[in-house]
C-alpha atoms as a PDB file:
ATOM      1  CA  MET A   1     105.968  42.381  15.910  1.00  0.00           C
ATOM      2  CA  ARG A   2     106.805  43.546  19.406  1.00  0.00           C
ATOM      3  CA  ILE A   3     104.196  46.283  19.161  1.00  0.00           C
ATOM      4  CA  ALA A   4     101.607  43.865  17.867  1.00  0.00           C
ATOM      5  CA  ARG A   5     102.445  41.393  20.605  1.00  0.00           C
ATOM      6  CA  ARG A   6     102.274  44.095  23.257  1.00  0.00           C
ATOM      7  CA  HIS A   7      98.794  45.091  22.047  1.00  0.00           C
ATOM      8  CA  ALA A   8      97.754  41.472  22.056  1.00  0.00           C
ATOM      9  CA  LEU A   9      99.005  40.992  25.594  1.00  0.00           C
ATOM     10  CA  THR A  10      97.301  44.192  26.741  1.00  0.00           C
ATOM     11  CA  GLY A  11      94.038  43.079  25.216  1.00  0.00           C
ATOM     12  CA  ALA A  12      94.368  39.646  26.779  1.00  0.00           C
ATOM     13  CA  SER A  13      95.119  41.178  30.185  1.00  0.00           C
ATOM     14  CA  ALA A  14      92.076  43.425  29.927  1.00  0.00           C
ATOM     15  CA  ALA A  15      89.917  40.491  28.950  1.00  0.00           C
ATOM     16  CA  LEU A  16      91.192  38.508  31.904  1.00  0.00           C
ATOM     17  CA  ALA A  17      90.601  41.442  34.258  1.00  0.00           C
ATOM     18  CA  LEU A  18      87.001  41.982  33.236  1.00  0.00           C
ATOM     19  CA  PRO A  19      85.586  38.782  34.772  1.00  0.00           C
ATOM     20  CA  GLY A  20      87.345  39.549  38.058  1.00  0.00           C
ATOM     21  CA  ARG A  21      85.964  43.071  38.135  1.00  0.00           C
ATOM     22  CA  ALA A  22      82.481  41.845  37.292  1.00  0.00           C
ATOM     23  CA  SER A  23      82.799  39.229  40.028  1.00  0.00           C
ATOM     24  CA  ALA A  24      83.835  41.860  42.564  1.00  0.00           C
ATOM     25  CA  GLN A  25      80.813  43.987  41.667  1.00  0.00           C
ATOM     26  CA  ALA A  26      78.510  40.998  41.921  1.00  0.00           C
ATOM     27  CA  ALA A  27      79.904  40.160  45.355  1.00  0.00           C
ATOM     28  CA  TYR A  28      79.488  43.739  46.614  1.00  0.00           C
ATOM     29  CA  PRO A  29      79.405  44.403  49.472  1.00  0.00           C
ATOM     30  CA  SER A  30      81.777  41.897  51.012  1.00  0.00           C
ATOM     31  CA  ARG A  31      82.791  44.040  54.011  1.00  0.00           C
ATOM     32  CA  PRO A  32      81.369  46.871  56.155  1.00  0.00           C
ATOM     33  CA  ILE A  33      80.562  50.149  54.421  1.00  0.00           C
ATOM     34  CA  ARG A  34      81.748  53.435  55.903  1.00  0.00           C
ATOM     35  CA  VAL A  35      79.326  56.373  55.840  1.00  0.00           C
ATOM     36  CA  ILE A  36      80.965  59.732  56.489  1.00  0.00           C
ATOM     37  CA  VAL A  37      78.664  62.360  57.984  1.00  0.00           C
ATOM     38  CA  PRO A  38      80.471  65.722  57.634  1.00  0.00           C
ATOM     39  CA  PHE A  39      78.642  67.156  60.653  1.00  0.00           C
ATOM     40  CA  GLY A  40      78.687  66.514  64.379  1.00  0.00           C
ATOM     41  CA  PRO A  41      76.511  63.930  66.145  1.00  0.00           C
ATOM     42  CA  GLY A  42      72.878  64.784  66.767  1.00  0.00           C
ATOM     43  CA  GLY A  43      72.272  66.923  63.691  1.00  0.00           C
ATOM     44  CA  GLY A  44      69.655  66.194  61.056  1.00  0.00           C
ATOM     45  CA  THR A  45      71.984  64.242  58.764  1.00  0.00           C
ATOM     46  CA  ASP A  46      73.324  62.133  61.603  1.00  0.00           C
ATOM     47  CA  ILE A  47      69.831  61.390  62.947  1.00  0.00           C
ATOM     48  CA  LEU A  48      68.434  60.425  59.556  1.00  0.00           C
ATOM     49  CA  ILE A  49      71.297  58.080  58.630  1.00  0.00           C
ATOM     50  CA  ARG A  50      71.170  56.345  62.016  1.00  0.00           C
ATOM     51  CA  ILE A  51      67.431  55.772  61.632  1.00  0.00           C
ATOM     52  CA  LEU A  52      67.945  54.201  58.198  1.00  0.00           C
ATOM     53  CA  ASP A  53      71.083  52.283  59.192  1.00  0.00           C
ATOM     54  CA  PRO A  54      69.531  48.971  60.363  1.00  0.00           C
ATOM     55  CA  TYR A  55      67.296  48.679  57.303  1.00  0.00           C
ATOM     56  CA  VAL A  56      70.022  49.538  54.786  1.00  0.00           C
ATOM     57  CA  SER A  57      72.498  47.230  56.536  1.00  0.00           C
ATOM     58  CA  ARG A  58      70.003  44.368  56.441  1.00  0.00           C
ATOM     59  CA  SER A  59      69.303  44.937  52.741  1.00  0.00           C
ATOM     60  CA  LEU A  60      72.994  45.022  51.807  1.00  0.00           C
ATOM     61  CA  GLY A  61      74.036  42.214  54.128  1.00  0.00           C
ATOM     62  CA  GLN A  62      76.830  44.316  55.641  1.00  0.00           C
ATOM     63  CA  PRO A  63      76.844  46.886  58.465  1.00  0.00           C
ATOM     64  CA  LEU A  64      77.139  50.611  57.914  1.00  0.00           C
ATOM     65  CA  VAL A  65      79.892  52.187  59.973  1.00  0.00           C
ATOM     66  CA  ILE A  66      78.834  55.792  60.562  1.00  0.00           C
ATOM     67  CA  GLU A  67      81.686  58.226  61.067  1.00  0.00           C
ATOM     68  CA  ASN A  68      81.071  61.845  62.082  1.00  0.00           C
ATOM     69  CA  ARG A  69      83.764  64.040  60.593  1.00  0.00           C
ATOM     70  CA  PRO A  70      82.711  67.692  61.042  1.00  0.00           C
ATOM     71  CA  GLY A  71      84.732  70.767  60.190  1.00  0.00           C
ATOM     72  CA  ALA A  72      84.839  73.820  57.908  1.00  0.00           C
ATOM     73  CA  GLY A  73      81.129  73.773  57.173  1.00  0.00           C
ATOM     74  CA  SER A  74      81.166  70.090  56.130  1.00  0.00           C
ATOM     75  CA  ILE A  75      84.161  70.522  53.799  1.00  0.00           C
ATOM     76  CA  VAL A  76      86.497  68.308  55.865  1.00  0.00           C
ATOM     77  CA  GLY A  77      84.324  65.215  55.673  1.00  0.00           C
ATOM     78  CA  THR A  78      83.321  65.864  52.085  1.00  0.00           C
ATOM     79  CA  GLU A  79      86.948  66.114  50.981  1.00  0.00           C
ATOM     80  CA  ALA A  80      87.704  62.780  52.661  1.00  0.00           C
ATOM     81  CA  VAL A  81      85.165  61.041  50.436  1.00  0.00           C
ATOM     82  CA  ALA A  82      86.434  62.890  47.354  1.00  0.00           C
ATOM     83  CA  ARG A  83      89.839  61.288  48.025  1.00  0.00           C
ATOM     84  CA  SER A  84      88.469  57.798  48.740  1.00  0.00           C
ATOM     85  CA  GLU A  85      88.562  54.804  46.427  1.00  0.00           C
ATOM     86  CA  PRO A  86      85.635  54.596  43.975  1.00  0.00           C
ATOM     87  CA  ASP A  87      84.615  51.156  45.185  1.00  0.00           C
ATOM     88  CA  GLY A  88      81.353  51.821  47.044  1.00  0.00           C
ATOM     89  CA  TYR A  89      82.832  51.257  50.495  1.00  0.00           C
ATOM     90  CA  THR A  90      82.925  54.952  51.454  1.00  0.00           C
ATOM     91  CA  LEU A  91      79.696  56.946  51.276  1.00  0.00           C
ATOM     92  CA  LEU A  92      78.937  60.599  51.983  1.00  0.00           C
ATOM     93  CA  ALA A  93      75.680  61.561  53.706  1.00  0.00           C
ATOM     94  CA  VAL A  94      74.929  65.258  53.243  1.00  0.00           C
ATOM     95  CA  ASP A  95      72.253  67.901  53.439  1.00  0.00           C
ATOM     96  CA  SER A  96      71.765  71.018  51.306  1.00  0.00           C
ATOM     97  CA  THR A  97      75.103  72.372  52.526  1.00  0.00           C
ATOM     98  CA  PHE A  98      76.710  70.301  49.765  1.00  0.00           C
ATOM     99  CA  CYS A  99      74.939  72.557  47.234  1.00  0.00           C
ATOM    100  CA  ILE A 100      75.302  75.789  49.191  1.00  0.00           C
ATOM    101  CA  ASN A 101      79.073  75.471  49.579  1.00  0.00           C
ATOM    102  CA  GLN A 102      79.517  75.520  45.812  1.00  0.00           C
ATOM    103  CA  GLY A 103      78.200  79.073  45.691  1.00  0.00           C
ATOM    104  CA  LEU A 104      79.490  80.182  49.075  1.00  0.00           C
ATOM    105  CA  PHE A 105      83.206  79.402  48.785  1.00  0.00           C
ATOM    106  CA  PRO A 106      85.353  80.793  45.961  1.00  0.00           C
ATOM    107  CA  SER A 107      87.348  77.563  45.935  1.00  0.00           C
ATOM    108  CA  LEU A 108      86.920  74.105  47.403  1.00  0.00           C
ATOM    109  CA  PRO A 109      89.414  71.226  47.781  1.00  0.00           C
ATOM    110  CA  TYR A 110      87.188  69.113  45.534  1.00  0.00           C
ATOM    111  CA  ASP A 111      84.996  69.516  42.466  1.00  0.00           C
ATOM    112  CA  ALA A 112      81.426  68.676  43.445  1.00  0.00           C
ATOM    113  CA  ALA A 113      80.376  67.749  39.911  1.00  0.00           C
ATOM    114  CA  ARG A 114      83.541  65.891  38.916  1.00  0.00           C
ATOM    115  CA  ASP A 115      84.449  64.061  42.136  1.00  0.00           C
ATOM    116  CA  PHE A 116      81.072  62.715  43.262  1.00  0.00           C
ATOM    117  CA  ALA A 117      78.270  60.549  41.931  1.00  0.00           C
ATOM    118  CA  PRO A 118      74.747  60.824  43.383  1.00  0.00           C
ATOM    119  CA  VAL A 119      73.249  57.683  44.901  1.00  0.00           C
ATOM    120  CA  ALA A 120      69.899  58.497  46.493  1.00  0.00           C
ATOM    121  CA  LEU A 121      67.726  61.398  47.571  1.00  0.00           C
ATOM    122  CA  LEU A 122      66.494  60.594  51.068  1.00  0.00           C
ATOM    123  CA  ALA A 123      64.290  63.332  52.468  1.00  0.00           C
ATOM    124  CA  ASN A 124      63.357  66.995  52.486  1.00  0.00           C
ATOM    125  CA  ALA A 125      62.361  69.242  55.358  1.00  0.00           C
ATOM    126  CA  PRO A 126      60.893  72.725  55.596  1.00  0.00           C
ATOM    127  CA  ILE A 127      62.333  75.587  57.584  1.00  0.00           C
ATOM    128  CA  VAL A 128      60.305  77.768  59.911  1.00  0.00           C
ATOM    129  CA  LEU A 129      60.287  81.437  60.941  1.00  0.00           C
ATOM    130  CA  LEU A 130      60.133  81.715  64.728  1.00  0.00           C
ATOM    131  CA  ALA A 131      59.520  84.540  67.152  1.00  0.00           C
ATOM    132  CA  HIS A 132      60.088  84.844  70.882  1.00  0.00           C
ATOM    133  CA  PRO A 133      56.743  85.143  72.742  1.00  0.00           C
ATOM    134  CA  SER A 134      57.627  88.719  73.701  1.00  0.00           C
ATOM    135  CA  VAL A 135      57.523  89.836  70.043  1.00  0.00           C
ATOM    136  CA  PRO A 136      54.200  91.714  69.550  1.00  0.00           C
ATOM    137  CA  ALA A 137      53.330  89.837  66.349  1.00  0.00           C
ATOM    138  CA  ARG A 138      51.229  86.705  66.298  1.00  0.00           C
ATOM    139  CA  THR A 139      51.052  86.335  62.529  1.00  0.00           C
ATOM    140  CA  LEU A 140      53.470  86.741  59.652  1.00  0.00           C
ATOM    141  CA  GLN A 141      51.682  89.828  58.354  1.00  0.00           C
ATOM    142  CA  GLU A 142      51.828  91.437  61.805  1.00  0.00           C
ATOM    143  CA  LEU A 143      55.577  90.754  61.879  1.00  0.00           C
ATOM    144  CA  ILE A 144      56.022  92.313  58.448  1.00  0.00           C
ATOM    145  CA  ALA A 145      54.138  95.415  59.563  1.00  0.00           C
ATOM    146  CA  LEU A 146      56.287  95.624  62.688  1.00  0.00           C
ATOM    147  CA  ALA A 147      59.513  95.243  60.686  1.00  0.00           C
ATOM    148  CA  LYS A 148      58.479  97.922  58.198  1.00  0.00           C
ATOM    149  CA  ALA A 149      57.612 100.312  61.023  1.00  0.00           C
ATOM    150  CA  ARG A 150      61.043  99.757  62.601  1.00  0.00           C
ATOM    151  CA  PRO A 151      63.554  99.143  59.767  1.00  0.00           C
ATOM    152  CA  GLY A 152      66.698  97.398  60.998  1.00  0.00           C
ATOM    153  CA  ALA A 153      65.443  97.118  64.577  1.00  0.00           C
ATOM    154  CA  LEU A 154      64.536  93.427  64.466  1.00  0.00           C
ATOM    155  CA  ALA A 155      67.086  90.647  64.111  1.00  0.00           C
ATOM    156  CA  TYR A 156      66.946  86.951  63.306  1.00  0.00           C
ATOM    157  CA  ALA A 157      69.334  84.222  64.361  1.00  0.00           C
ATOM    158  CA  SER A 158      70.525  81.469  62.026  1.00  0.00           C
ATOM    159  CA  GLY A 159      72.913  78.540  62.157  1.00  0.00           C
ATOM    160  CA  GLY A 160      75.661  80.546  60.453  1.00  0.00           C
ATOM    161  CA  ASN A 161      76.572  82.516  57.341  1.00  0.00           C
ATOM    162  CA  GLY A 162      75.527  80.526  54.317  1.00  0.00           C
ATOM    163  CA  ALA A 163      73.559  77.949  56.290  1.00  0.00           C
ATOM    164  CA  PRO A 164      70.195  76.886  54.847  1.00  0.00           C
ATOM    165  CA  THR A 165      68.510  78.850  57.621  1.00  0.00           C
ATOM    166  CA  HIS A 166      70.452  81.984  56.649  1.00  0.00           C
ATOM    167  CA  LEU A 167      69.421  81.623  52.998  1.00  0.00           C
ATOM    168  CA  GLY A 168      65.820  81.129  54.108  1.00  0.00           C
ATOM    169  CA  GLY A 169      65.975  84.345  56.117  1.00  0.00           C
ATOM    170  CA  GLU A 170      67.339  86.266  53.142  1.00  0.00           C
ATOM    171  CA  MET A 171      64.591  84.877  50.910  1.00  0.00           C
ATOM    172  CA  PHE A 172      62.013  86.107  53.416  1.00  0.00           C
ATOM    173  CA  LYS A 173      63.581  89.579  53.611  1.00  0.00           C
ATOM    174  CA  THR A 174      63.530  89.930  49.826  1.00  0.00           C
ATOM    175  CA  ALA A 175      60.046  88.497  49.329  1.00  0.00           C
ATOM    176  CA  ALA A 176      58.467  90.546  52.135  1.00  0.00           C
ATOM    177  CA  GLY A 177      60.489  93.704  51.498  1.00  0.00           C
ATOM    178  CA  VAL A 178      61.630  94.049  55.100  1.00  0.00           C
ATOM    179  CA  ASP A 179      64.884  95.171  56.690  1.00  0.00           C
ATOM    180  CA  ILE A 180      65.822  92.798  59.511  1.00  0.00           C
ATOM    181  CA  THR A 181      69.345  92.087  60.731  1.00  0.00           C
ATOM    182  CA  HIS A 182      70.974  88.690  60.381  1.00  0.00           C
ATOM    183  CA  LEU A 183      72.839  87.334  63.418  1.00  0.00           C
ATOM    184  CA  PRO A 184      74.877  84.237  62.470  1.00  0.00           C
ATOM    185  CA  TYR A 185      75.676  81.638  65.122  1.00  0.00           C
ATOM    186  CA  ARG A 186      77.928  78.613  65.026  1.00  0.00           C
ATOM    187  CA  GLY A 187      75.132  76.126  64.788  1.00  0.00           C
ATOM    188  CA  THR A 188      71.391  76.148  65.307  1.00  0.00           C
ATOM    189  CA  GLY A 189      71.718  75.058  68.943  1.00  0.00           C
ATOM    190  CA  PRO A 190      73.397  78.273  70.154  1.00  0.00           C
ATOM    191  CA  ALA A 191      71.091  80.326  67.924  1.00  0.00           C
ATOM    192  CA  MET A 192      67.969  78.809  69.456  1.00  0.00           C
ATOM    193  CA  ASN A 193      69.339  79.181  72.984  1.00  0.00           C
ATOM    194  CA  ASP A 194      69.590  82.952  72.525  1.00  0.00           C
ATOM    195  CA  VAL A 195      66.137  83.222  70.983  1.00  0.00           C
ATOM    196  CA  ILE A 196      64.553  81.153  73.754  1.00  0.00           C
ATOM    197  CA  ALA A 197      66.332  83.351  76.312  1.00  0.00           C
ATOM    198  CA  GLY A 198      64.887  86.450  74.636  1.00  0.00           C
ATOM    199  CA  HIS A 199      68.246  87.880  73.557  1.00  0.00           C
ATOM    200  CA  VAL A 200      67.236  87.720  69.866  1.00  0.00           C
ATOM    201  CA  PRO A 201      63.614  88.241  68.805  1.00  0.00           C
ATOM    202  CA  LEU A 202      63.492  86.000  65.719  1.00  0.00           C
ATOM    203  CA  ALA A 203      65.040  82.847  64.289  1.00  0.00           C
ATOM    204  CA  VAL A 204      64.951  80.884  61.072  1.00  0.00           C
ATOM    205  CA  ASN A 205      65.494  77.223  61.835  1.00  0.00           C
ATOM    206  CA  GLY A 206      64.819  73.714  60.609  1.00  0.00           C
ATOM    207  CA  LEU A 207      61.417  72.407  61.618  1.00  0.00           C
ATOM    208  CA  SER A 208      62.810  69.185  63.104  1.00  0.00           C
ATOM    209  CA  ALA A 209      65.165  71.073  65.435  1.00  0.00           C
ATOM    210  CA  SER A 210      62.462  73.606  66.344  1.00  0.00           C
ATOM    211  CA  ARG A 211      59.705  71.126  67.074  1.00  0.00           C
ATOM    212  CA  PRO A 212      60.172  70.724  70.863  1.00  0.00           C
ATOM    213  CA  HIS A 213      60.556  74.471  71.412  1.00  0.00           C
ATOM    214  CA  ILE A 214      57.387  75.230  69.465  1.00  0.00           C
ATOM    215  CA  ALA A 215      55.469  72.513  71.286  1.00  0.00           C
ATOM    216  CA  ASP A 216      56.328  73.833  74.750  1.00  0.00           C
ATOM    217  CA  GLY A 217      55.632  77.458  73.826  1.00  0.00           C
ATOM    218  CA  ARG A 218      59.174  78.782  74.176  1.00  0.00           C
ATOM    219  CA  VAL A 219      58.984  80.128  70.615  1.00  0.00           C
ATOM    220  CA  ARG A 220      56.095  80.967  68.304  1.00  0.00           C
ATOM    221  CA  ALA A 221      56.039  79.567  64.756  1.00  0.00           C
ATOM    222  CA  LEU A 222      54.829  82.129  62.227  1.00  0.00           C
ATOM    223  CA  ALA A 223      55.252  80.328  58.894  1.00  0.00           C
ATOM    224  CA  VAL A 224      56.871  77.283  57.302  1.00  0.00           C
ATOM    225  CA  THR A 225      58.268  76.787  53.834  1.00  0.00           C
ATOM    226  CA  GLY A 226      56.855  74.231  51.447  1.00  0.00           C
ATOM    227  CA  ASP A 227      53.621  73.751  49.554  1.00  0.00           C
ATOM    228  CA  ARG A 228      51.741  72.222  52.465  1.00  0.00           C
ATOM    229  CA  ARG A 229      51.508  72.690  56.207  1.00  0.00           C
ATOM    230  CA  ALA A 230      53.668  70.542  58.449  1.00  0.00           C
ATOM    231  CA  SER A 231      51.633  67.676  59.858  1.00  0.00           C
ATOM    232  CA  ALA A 232      53.208  68.203  63.293  1.00  0.00           C
ATOM    233  CA  PHE A 233      51.901  71.800  63.380  1.00  0.00           C
ATOM    234  CA  PRO A 234      48.771  72.011  61.243  1.00  0.00           C
ATOM    235  CA  ASP A 235      47.895  75.460  62.626  1.00  0.00           C
ATOM    236  CA  VAL A 236      51.092  77.053  61.261  1.00  0.00           C
ATOM    237  CA  PRO A 237      50.546  78.413  57.732  1.00  0.00           C
ATOM    238  CA  THR A 238      52.979  78.192  54.862  1.00  0.00           C
ATOM    239  CA  PHE A 239      54.610  81.440  53.746  1.00  0.00           C
ATOM    240  CA  ALA A 240      52.438  81.391  50.627  1.00  0.00           C
ATOM    241  CA  GLU A 241      49.260  80.970  52.682  1.00  0.00           C
ATOM    242  CA  ALA A 242      50.376  83.857  54.886  1.00  0.00           C
ATOM    243  CA  GLY A 243      50.721  86.097  51.839  1.00  0.00           C
ATOM    244  CA  VAL A 244      54.458  85.892  51.070  1.00  0.00           C
ATOM    245  CA  GLN A 245      55.457  84.161  47.847  1.00  0.00           C
ATOM    246  CA  GLY A 246      58.938  82.997  46.891  1.00  0.00           C
ATOM    247  CA  VAL A 247      60.250  81.721  50.239  1.00  0.00           C
ATOM    248  CA  ASP A 248      60.938  78.199  49.000  1.00  0.00           C
ATOM    249  CA  MET A 249      64.018  77.335  51.034  1.00  0.00           C
ATOM    250  CA  TYR A 250      64.195  73.834  52.451  1.00  0.00           C
ATOM    251  CA  THR A 251      66.795  71.276  53.415  1.00  0.00           C
ATOM    252  CA  HIS A 252      67.284  68.049  51.534  1.00  0.00           C
ATOM    253  CA  TRP A 253      69.366  65.007  52.450  1.00  0.00           C
ATOM    254  CA  GLY A 254      71.071  62.493  50.217  1.00  0.00           C
ATOM    255  CA  VAL A 255      73.915  60.031  49.758  1.00  0.00           C
ATOM    256  CA  LEU A 256      76.846  60.258  47.349  1.00  0.00           C
ATOM    257  CA  VAL A 257      79.895  58.175  46.448  1.00  0.00           C
ATOM    258  CA  ARG A 258      83.189  58.915  44.764  1.00  0.00           C
ATOM    259  CA  ALA A 259      82.843  59.422  41.015  1.00  0.00           C
ATOM    260  CA  GLY A 260      83.964  56.366  39.081  1.00  0.00           C
ATOM    261  CA  THR A 261      82.169  53.919  41.347  1.00  0.00           C
ATOM    262  CA  PRO A 262      80.692  51.174  39.127  1.00  0.00           C
ATOM    263  CA  GLY A 263      77.094  51.774  38.131  1.00  0.00           C
ATOM    264  CA  ALA A 264      75.960  48.371  39.393  1.00  0.00           C
ATOM    265  CA  ILE A 265      77.227  49.213  42.877  1.00  0.00           C
ATOM    266  CA  ILE A 266      75.583  52.637  42.831  1.00  0.00           C
ATOM    267  CA  GLN A 267      72.291  51.077  41.832  1.00  0.00           C
ATOM    268  CA  LYS A 268      72.501  48.476  44.590  1.00  0.00           C
ATOM    269  CA  LEU A 269      73.099  51.217  47.152  1.00  0.00           C
ATOM    270  CA  ALA A 270      70.318  53.364  45.686  1.00  0.00           C
ATOM    271  CA  THR A 271      67.809  50.535  45.951  1.00  0.00           C
ATOM    272  CA  ALA A 272      68.727  49.814  49.584  1.00  0.00           C
ATOM    273  CA  PHE A 273      68.407  53.472  50.672  1.00  0.00           C
ATOM    274  CA  ASP A 274      65.261  54.066  48.639  1.00  0.00           C
ATOM    275  CA  GLU A 275      63.489  51.059  50.103  1.00  0.00           C
ATOM    276  CA  ALA A 276      64.527  52.054  53.626  1.00  0.00           C
ATOM    277  CA  VAL A 277      63.386  55.676  53.532  1.00  0.00           C
ATOM    278  CA  LEU A 278      60.036  54.773  51.949  1.00  0.00           C
ATOM    279  CA  ARG A 279      59.138  52.046  54.441  1.00  0.00           C
ATOM    280  CA  PRO A 280      55.551  52.593  55.644  1.00  0.00           C
ATOM    281  CA  ASP A 281      56.525  51.754  59.229  1.00  0.00           C
ATOM    282  CA  LEU A 282      59.136  54.537  59.232  1.00  0.00           C
ATOM    283  CA  ARG A 283      57.029  57.263  57.651  1.00  0.00           C
ATOM    284  CA  GLN A 284      55.355  58.430  60.879  1.00  0.00           C
ATOM    285  CA  ARG A 285      58.619  58.389  62.805  1.00  0.00           C
ATOM    286  CA  LEU A 286      60.371  60.490  60.158  1.00  0.00           C
ATOM    287  CA  ASP A 287      57.406  62.814  59.855  1.00  0.00           C
ATOM    288  CA  ASP A 288      57.358  63.380  63.614  1.00  0.00           C
ATOM    289  CA  LEU A 289      60.999  64.430  63.419  1.00  0.00           C
ATOM    290  CA  GLY A 290      60.313  66.896  60.616  1.00  0.00           C
ATOM    291  CA  PHE A 291      61.636  64.803  57.716  1.00  0.00           C
ATOM    292  CA  VAL A 292      59.543  64.375  54.581  1.00  0.00           C
ATOM    293  CA  PRO A 293      60.652  61.100  52.947  1.00  0.00           C
ATOM    294  CA  ALA A 294      61.529  61.715  49.317  1.00  0.00           C
ATOM    295  CA  GLY A 295      63.062  58.657  47.699  1.00  0.00           C
ATOM    296  CA  GLY A 296      64.680  58.644  44.283  1.00  0.00           C
ATOM    297  CA  GLY A 297      67.822  57.194  42.761  1.00  0.00           C
ATOM    298  CA  PRO A 298      70.888  58.751  41.101  1.00  0.00           C
ATOM    299  CA  ALA A 299      69.004  60.652  38.385  1.00  0.00           C
ATOM    300  CA  THR A 300      66.519  62.180  40.829  1.00  0.00           C
ATOM    301  CA  TYR A 301      69.166  63.203  43.330  1.00  0.00           C
ATOM    302  CA  GLY A 302      71.503  64.482  40.624  1.00  0.00           C
ATOM    303  CA  GLU A 303      68.779  66.760  39.293  1.00  0.00           C
ATOM    304  CA  ALA A 304      68.023  68.012  42.830  1.00  0.00           C
ATOM    305  CA  ILE A 305      71.699  68.868  43.331  1.00  0.00           C
ATOM    306  CA  ARG A 306      71.913  70.790  40.050  1.00  0.00           C
ATOM    307  CA  ARG A 307      68.665  72.659  40.663  1.00  0.00           C
ATOM    308  CA  ASP A 308      69.420  73.620  44.250  1.00  0.00           C
ATOM    309  CA  THR A 309      73.046  74.565  43.560  1.00  0.00           C
ATOM    310  CA  ALA A 310      71.893  77.063  40.945  1.00  0.00           C
ATOM    311  CA  ARG A 311      69.080  78.390  43.144  1.00  0.00           C
ATOM    312  CA  PHE A 312      71.169  78.767  46.298  1.00  0.00           C
ATOM    313  CA  THR A 313      74.062  80.344  44.408  1.00  0.00           C
ATOM    314  CA  GLU A 314      71.685  82.997  43.091  1.00  0.00           C
ATOM    315  CA  VAL A 315      70.525  83.821  46.640  1.00  0.00           C
ATOM    316  CA  ILE A 316      74.124  83.942  47.901  1.00  0.00           C
ATOM    317  CA  ARG A 317      75.196  86.333  45.166  1.00  0.00           C
ATOM    318  CA  ALA A 318      72.122  88.553  45.505  1.00  0.00           C
ATOM    319  CA  GLY A 319      72.704  88.855  49.258  1.00  0.00           C
ATOM    320  CA  SER A 320      76.508  89.184  48.978  1.00  0.00           C
ATOM    321  CA  ILE A 321      76.726  86.346  51.529  1.00  0.00           C
ATOM    322  CA  ARG A 322      80.187  85.347  52.656  1.00  0.00           C
ATOM    323  CA  PRO A 323      81.307  82.393  54.799  1.00  0.00           C
ATOM    324  CA  ASP A 324      82.197  82.950  58.466  1.00  0.00           C
END
């Protein structure tokens, strides 16, 4: 009898709890939402989220509180969200580093597949191969010929071991069959400073961060990734157009929450971010900054994470890439 009564009470308690939980989901959000950016201010992820912030906040009826929490190649901020409550009030805004880290580090303080749920794919962006004006190569094929004539003599700067720009450089080396030396920096800013100063002849960098340097002639753009030319630089060919296939590295951005967050909350967030990033009045602004608006909810972003994790891990293993 006691057992039967206990089961009855448990069932009654669960039944009573369900309306309250449903009510809480329906009322979501009832307070500000924290968005953790696991990188410093001014980077691509930070810029993109701050552009979308007013539109997402208006749609949800609550402000986004953006918190930059950099460290350990984005692991510090990512772990903070993995340990948060699965209630939709702590979001993680990331770029492709979220996928790269799974193949780069032998162990992480979180399980990317188990601890997170995808919300929305926001945007993609190509990367670009750059040369200092002193480099005697004005086209990609001329650079390849120069590199093959002087194996190991040329070097390219990237934002660090395992960064998207590093993986893009390794893809180029493999696809073109050239021997150029990788010089990792702690961030794309220091890397570009040395290239602009002429200390390093080449760089692989994100198009958005490279845009002002290309425009003022401090570096020369030789090729961009992607299946179409960047609208900001229509004279710069894609790698495929320039005769090199297989350099398909790019950066993507998205939003995740802690796994276990109710589906209704995830969908509400997904709708708000999707509508914001696809606004016609934002398209030109994002395009000018090098972002290609993507859009897509949990299923789309989840598939992008799985695809890119597998692809980047293969590049990391083939190149024996290790973290700094």
